[in-house]
Amino acid sequence: MTDHFAAVAGNYNLIRTTDPEPVARIADALRPIQPFRAADLGCGAGRYSRLLVEALPGTRIFCVDASPEMCAQARLVLPGRAIVAHRDAEAFLGEVWPPLEAIFCMNAVHHLGLYRLLKAARRPTRPGARLFIYTRTRSQNARSVWGRHFPGFADTETRLYEEDEIRESVRTAGGWRLAGMEAFAFPRAASIARLVFLARSKHYSTFALYSPAELDWAVEEFGRNLRAAYPDPENVTWEDANLLVTLERTS
């Protein structure tokens, strides 16, 4: 994925949709303990980091990403009190001190690995610390406009977790209590041209799992599938779904 994120970093904040609702839930949960220290792992170009910083005034947030190109973009959009760290997430968690009161992982757990994240996040936290994971399940992914109409999209994206897999990872990793799972649903609308543009721009890392020839064919087929399913090319409607997982450090 290194080459993929280097290529898309400059346009990433323009081609991805950012949902404020999960950030509002996180802020409500953490407001009683502000100010504190936190980390946003896999922060990318800083789109969710910026919302977190704005929603949690006084909080010192380390924004961590392994891509130097993404970190460069994050520095352009984040205020000065956000600290951008070009680091591997596990390496960062193994070294940061003093402890963190909260860790965020927004649409990035499929890159880091859930079990590895749960184990690594114990190192810089103490009992009572929170870990928030915003993601989408494989089932949610399959129901999206991409899962329904883009050839092979749902089958190619194997890195996502179902709810029962999340529960099992929490159980086997130890040290965390599942405090909540909240599903979000977002109505979306776009033109066929816009959706084809996003696919060609590889706005999801899933597209980097296709070979160039496979992707070219799939994008063309995607456009044909959309034109067959939606009579108005300016009005493709669908629903995106995501999951906010809240964990509390127990021991």
Protein backbone atom coordinates (compact mmCIF):
# COMPACT_ATOMS: atom_id res chain seq x y z
CA MET A 1 0.00 0.00 0.00
CA THR A 2 3.00 2.33 0.25
CA ASP A 3 2.88 3.36 -3.40
CA HIS A 4 -0.91 3.70 -3.31
CA PHE A 5 -0.95 6.19 -0.44
CA ALA A 6 1.97 8.13 -1.88
CA ALA A 7 0.02 8.50 -5.13
CA VAL A 8 -3.32 9.56 -3.63
CA ALA A 9 -2.11 11.70 -0.72
CA GLY A 10 -2.36 15.03 -2.52
CA ASN A 11 -6.05 14.60 -3.37
CA TYR A 12 -7.11 12.34 -0.52
CA ASN A 13 -9.09 14.88 1.48
CA LEU A 14 -10.98 15.84 -1.68
CA ILE A 15 -11.94 12.35 -2.81
CA ARG A 16 -12.97 10.83 0.53
CA THR A 17 -16.18 11.50 2.47
CA THR A 18 -15.72 12.41 6.13
CA ASP A 19 -18.59 11.84 8.55
CA PRO A 20 -18.76 14.10 11.64
CA GLU A 21 -21.33 11.96 13.48
CA PRO A 22 -18.90 9.38 14.95
CA VAL A 23 -16.57 12.16 16.06
CA ALA A 24 -19.48 13.77 17.94
CA ARG A 25 -20.13 10.45 19.72
CA ILE A 26 -16.46 10.16 20.65
CA ALA A 27 -16.39 13.73 21.97
CA ASP A 28 -19.47 13.10 24.10
CA ALA A 29 -17.86 10.01 25.61
CA LEU A 30 -14.58 11.76 26.38
CA ARG A 31 -15.78 15.21 27.41
CA PRO A 32 -15.79 14.44 31.17
CA ILE A 33 -12.04 13.70 31.20
CA GLN A 34 -10.69 16.58 29.11
CA PRO A 35 -7.96 17.71 28.69
CA PHE A 36 -5.93 14.56 28.04
CA ARG A 37 -3.46 12.86 25.70
CA ALA A 38 -4.62 10.84 22.71
CA ALA A 39 -3.42 9.36 19.44
CA ASP A 40 -5.10 9.02 16.05
CA LEU A 41 -3.56 5.95 14.43
CA GLY A 42 -3.52 5.74 10.64
CA CYS A 43 -4.48 9.41 10.46
CA GLY A 44 -3.89 9.64 6.72
CA ALA A 45 -4.19 13.18 5.41
CA GLY A 46 -5.73 14.36 8.68
CA ARG A 47 -9.41 14.56 7.74
CA TYR A 48 -10.69 12.87 10.92
CA SER A 49 -7.81 14.19 13.02
CA ARG A 50 -8.96 17.74 12.30
CA LEU A 51 -12.51 16.97 13.45
CA LEU A 52 -11.19 15.27 16.60
CA VAL A 53 -8.93 18.20 17.44
CA GLU A 54 -11.81 20.64 16.96
CA ALA A 55 -14.21 18.52 19.03
CA LEU A 56 -11.77 17.95 21.90
CA PRO A 57 -10.32 21.36 22.80
CA GLY A 58 -7.33 21.16 25.10
CA THR A 59 -6.55 17.59 24.11
CA ARG A 60 -3.05 16.84 22.87
CA ILE A 61 -3.45 14.51 19.90
CA PHE A 62 -0.63 12.64 18.20
CA CYS A 63 -1.59 12.03 14.57
CA VAL A 64 0.31 8.96 13.43
CA ASP A 65 0.74 7.53 9.93
CA ALA A 66 3.35 5.38 8.21
CA SER A 67 3.09 7.33 4.93
CA PRO A 68 5.31 10.44 4.74
CA GLU A 69 3.14 11.82 1.94
CA MET A 70 -0.01 11.49 4.04
CA CYS A 71 1.73 13.11 7.01
CA ALA A 72 2.76 16.04 4.83
CA GLN A 73 -0.88 16.60 3.85
CA ALA A 74 -2.02 16.25 7.47
CA ARG A 75 0.35 19.02 8.53
CA LEU A 76 -1.36 21.35 6.04
CA VAL A 77 -4.83 20.93 7.55
CA LEU A 78 -4.18 20.38 11.27
CA PRO A 79 -3.80 23.13 13.90
CA GLY A 80 -0.54 23.55 15.75
CA ARG A 81 -1.50 21.60 18.86
CA ALA A 82 -1.88 18.41 16.81
CA ILE A 83 1.44 16.61 16.59
CA VAL A 84 1.94 14.73 13.32
CA ALA A 85 4.20 11.72 13.69
CA HIS A 86 5.50 9.83 10.65
CA ARG A 87 5.68 6.47 12.38
CA ASP A 88 4.47 2.92 12.17
CA ALA A 89 1.53 2.65 14.58
CA GLU A 90 2.92 -0.27 16.57
CA ALA A 91 6.32 1.39 16.92
CA PHE A 92 4.67 4.60 18.12
CA LEU A 93 2.54 2.76 20.68
CA GLY A 94 5.64 0.98 21.98
CA GLU A 95 7.48 4.22 22.67
CA VAL A 96 5.02 7.00 23.52
CA TRP A 97 5.10 8.24 27.11
CA PRO A 98 3.45 9.36 29.40
CA PRO A 99 0.33 7.20 28.89
CA LEU A 100 -2.51 7.95 26.52
CA GLU A 101 -6.08 8.32 27.76
CA ALA A 102 -7.63 7.63 24.35
CA ILE A 103 -6.70 6.09 21.02
CA PHE A 104 -8.63 6.63 17.78
CA CYS A 105 -8.46 4.49 14.66
CA MET A 106 -10.71 5.97 11.99
CA ASN A 107 -11.19 3.85 8.86
CA ALA A 108 -7.71 2.37 9.31
CA VAL A 109 -8.00 -0.82 11.37
CA HIS A 110 -8.00 -2.96 8.21
CA HIS A 111 -4.50 -1.63 7.51
CA LEU A 112 -3.20 -2.14 11.05
CA GLY A 113 -4.85 -5.45 11.96
CA LEU A 114 -7.39 -5.58 14.78
CA TYR A 115 -5.72 -8.14 17.04
CA ARG A 116 -2.31 -6.49 16.65
CA LEU A 117 -3.85 -3.11 17.45
CA LEU A 118 -5.54 -4.40 20.60
CA LYS A 119 -2.29 -5.93 21.86
CA ALA A 120 -0.13 -2.92 20.99
CA ALA A 121 -2.60 -0.39 22.43
CA ARG A 122 -2.23 -1.90 25.90
CA ARG A 123 1.37 -0.67 26.15
CA PRO A 124 0.71 3.09 26.37
CA THR A 125 -2.64 2.98 28.21
CA ARG A 126 -3.90 2.35 31.73
CA PRO A 127 -7.19 0.91 33.02
CA GLY A 128 -10.06 3.19 32.04
CA ALA A 129 -8.46 4.38 28.79
CA ARG A 130 -10.65 4.26 25.68
CA LEU A 131 -10.02 2.86 22.22
CA PHE A 132 -12.39 3.99 19.45
CA ILE A 133 -12.41 2.11 16.14
CA TYR A 134 -14.48 3.49 13.27
CA THR A 135 -14.72 1.03 10.41
CA ARG A 136 -17.10 -0.82 8.15
CA THR A 137 -17.85 -4.52 8.21
CA ARG A 138 -17.63 -6.79 5.18
CA SER A 139 -21.44 -6.96 5.17
CA GLN A 140 -21.75 -3.18 5.21
CA ASN A 141 -19.15 -2.93 2.46
CA ALA A 142 -21.06 -5.42 0.29
CA ARG A 143 -24.27 -3.35 0.55
CA SER A 144 -22.64 -0.12 -0.61
CA VAL A 145 -22.83 1.15 -4.18
CA TRP A 146 -19.32 -0.23 -4.66
CA GLY A 147 -20.14 -3.64 -3.24
CA ARG A 148 -23.31 -3.93 -5.35
CA HIS A 149 -22.08 -2.55 -8.66
CA PHE A 150 -18.26 -2.53 -8.84
CA PRO A 151 -17.01 -5.91 -10.14
CA GLY A 152 -15.29 -7.94 -7.44
CA PHE A 153 -15.19 -5.11 -4.91
CA ALA A 154 -16.77 -6.98 -1.98
CA ASP A 155 -14.79 -10.15 -2.67
CA THR A 156 -11.48 -8.32 -3.17
CA GLU A 157 -11.74 -6.41 0.12
CA THR A 158 -11.04 -9.18 2.63
CA ARG A 159 -9.40 -7.07 5.34
CA LEU A 160 -12.61 -5.91 7.04
CA TYR A 161 -14.13 -7.48 10.16
CA GLU A 162 -17.62 -8.65 11.00
CA GLU A 163 -19.06 -7.87 14.43
CA ASP A 164 -18.56 -11.40 15.73
CA GLU A 165 -14.90 -11.30 14.66
CA ILE A 166 -14.44 -8.03 16.53
CA ARG A 167 -15.93 -9.55 19.68
CA GLU A 168 -13.68 -12.60 19.37
CA SER A 169 -10.57 -10.49 18.88
CA VAL A 170 -11.41 -8.45 21.97
CA ARG A 171 -11.91 -11.63 23.96
CA THR A 172 -8.69 -13.31 22.86
CA ALA A 173 -6.46 -10.21 22.97
CA GLY A 174 -7.34 -9.50 26.59
CA GLY A 175 -7.11 -6.26 28.49
CA TRP A 176 -10.12 -4.59 26.84
CA ARG A 177 -13.85 -4.51 27.48
CA LEU A 178 -16.27 -4.00 24.62
CA ALA A 179 -18.19 -0.92 25.78
CA GLY A 180 -20.33 -0.47 22.70
CA MET A 181 -20.94 -0.95 19.00
CA GLU A 182 -22.97 1.67 17.16
CA ALA A 183 -23.96 1.33 13.52
CA PHE A 184 -24.26 4.46 11.38
CA ALA A 185 -26.14 4.79 8.09
CA PHE A 186 -25.55 7.67 5.70
CA PRO A 187 -27.67 8.38 2.61
CA ARG A 188 -25.46 9.30 -0.32
CA ALA A 189 -26.04 10.68 -3.81
CA ALA A 190 -23.69 11.32 -6.71
CA SER A 191 -23.58 11.30 -10.48
CA ILE A 192 -22.29 8.31 -12.42
CA ALA A 193 -19.46 10.49 -13.70
CA ARG A 194 -18.44 11.37 -10.14
CA LEU A 195 -18.45 7.75 -9.01
CA VAL A 196 -16.38 6.65 -12.01
CA PHE A 197 -13.95 9.49 -11.26
CA LEU A 198 -13.60 8.34 -7.64
CA ALA A 199 -12.89 4.79 -8.75
CA ARG A 200 -10.24 5.94 -11.22
CA SER A 201 -8.76 8.10 -8.44
CA LYS A 202 -8.57 4.99 -6.20
CA HIS A 203 -10.31 6.76 -3.34
CA TYR A 204 -10.57 3.39 -1.56
CA SER A 205 -7.38 1.42 -1.00
CA THR A 206 -9.34 -1.62 -2.21
CA PHE A 207 -8.72 -0.43 -5.76
CA ALA A 208 -4.97 -0.82 -5.20
CA LEU A 209 -5.60 -4.57 -4.85
CA TYR A 210 -6.56 -4.77 -8.55
CA SER A 211 -3.96 -5.01 -11.29
CA PRO A 212 -3.98 -1.99 -13.67
CA ALA A 213 -5.68 -4.03 -16.39
CA GLU A 214 -8.24 -5.47 -13.98
CA LEU A 215 -9.05 -2.02 -12.64
CA ASP A 216 -9.48 -0.49 -16.09
CA TRP A 217 -11.95 -3.22 -17.06
CA ALA A 218 -13.76 -3.06 -13.72
CA VAL A 219 -14.21 0.73 -13.89
CA GLU A 220 -15.75 0.45 -17.35
CA GLU A 221 -18.04 -2.35 -16.19
CA PHE A 222 -18.94 -0.30 -13.09
CA GLY A 223 -20.13 2.55 -15.31
CA ARG A 224 -22.22 0.16 -17.40
CA ASN A 225 -23.73 -1.41 -14.27
CA LEU A 226 -24.68 2.00 -12.90
CA ARG A 227 -26.25 3.13 -16.17
CA ALA A 228 -28.34 -0.05 -16.20
CA ALA A 229 -29.48 0.39 -12.59
CA TYR A 230 -30.05 4.18 -12.49
CA PRO A 231 -32.04 5.86 -15.30
CA ASP A 232 -30.88 9.32 -14.19
CA PRO A 233 -27.06 9.47 -14.54
CA GLU A 234 -26.98 12.55 -12.32
CA ASN A 235 -28.73 10.88 -9.40
CA VAL A 236 -27.24 7.64 -8.12
CA THR A 237 -28.45 7.08 -4.56
CA TRP A 238 -27.32 4.56 -1.99
CA GLU A 239 -26.61 4.15 1.72
CA ASP A 240 -23.17 3.82 3.28
CA ALA A 241 -22.96 2.07 6.64
CA ASN A 242 -20.20 2.14 9.23
CA LEU A 243 -19.56 0.87 12.74
CA LEU A 244 -18.12 2.69 15.77
CA VAL A 245 -16.57 0.27 18.25
CA THR A 246 -15.83 1.59 21.75
CA LEU A 247 -13.43 -0.31 24.00
CA GLU A 248 -12.34 0.33 27.57
CA ARG A 249 -9.01 -0.78 28.97
CA THR A 250 -9.57 -3.15 31.90
CA SER A 251 -6.14 -4.38 32.97
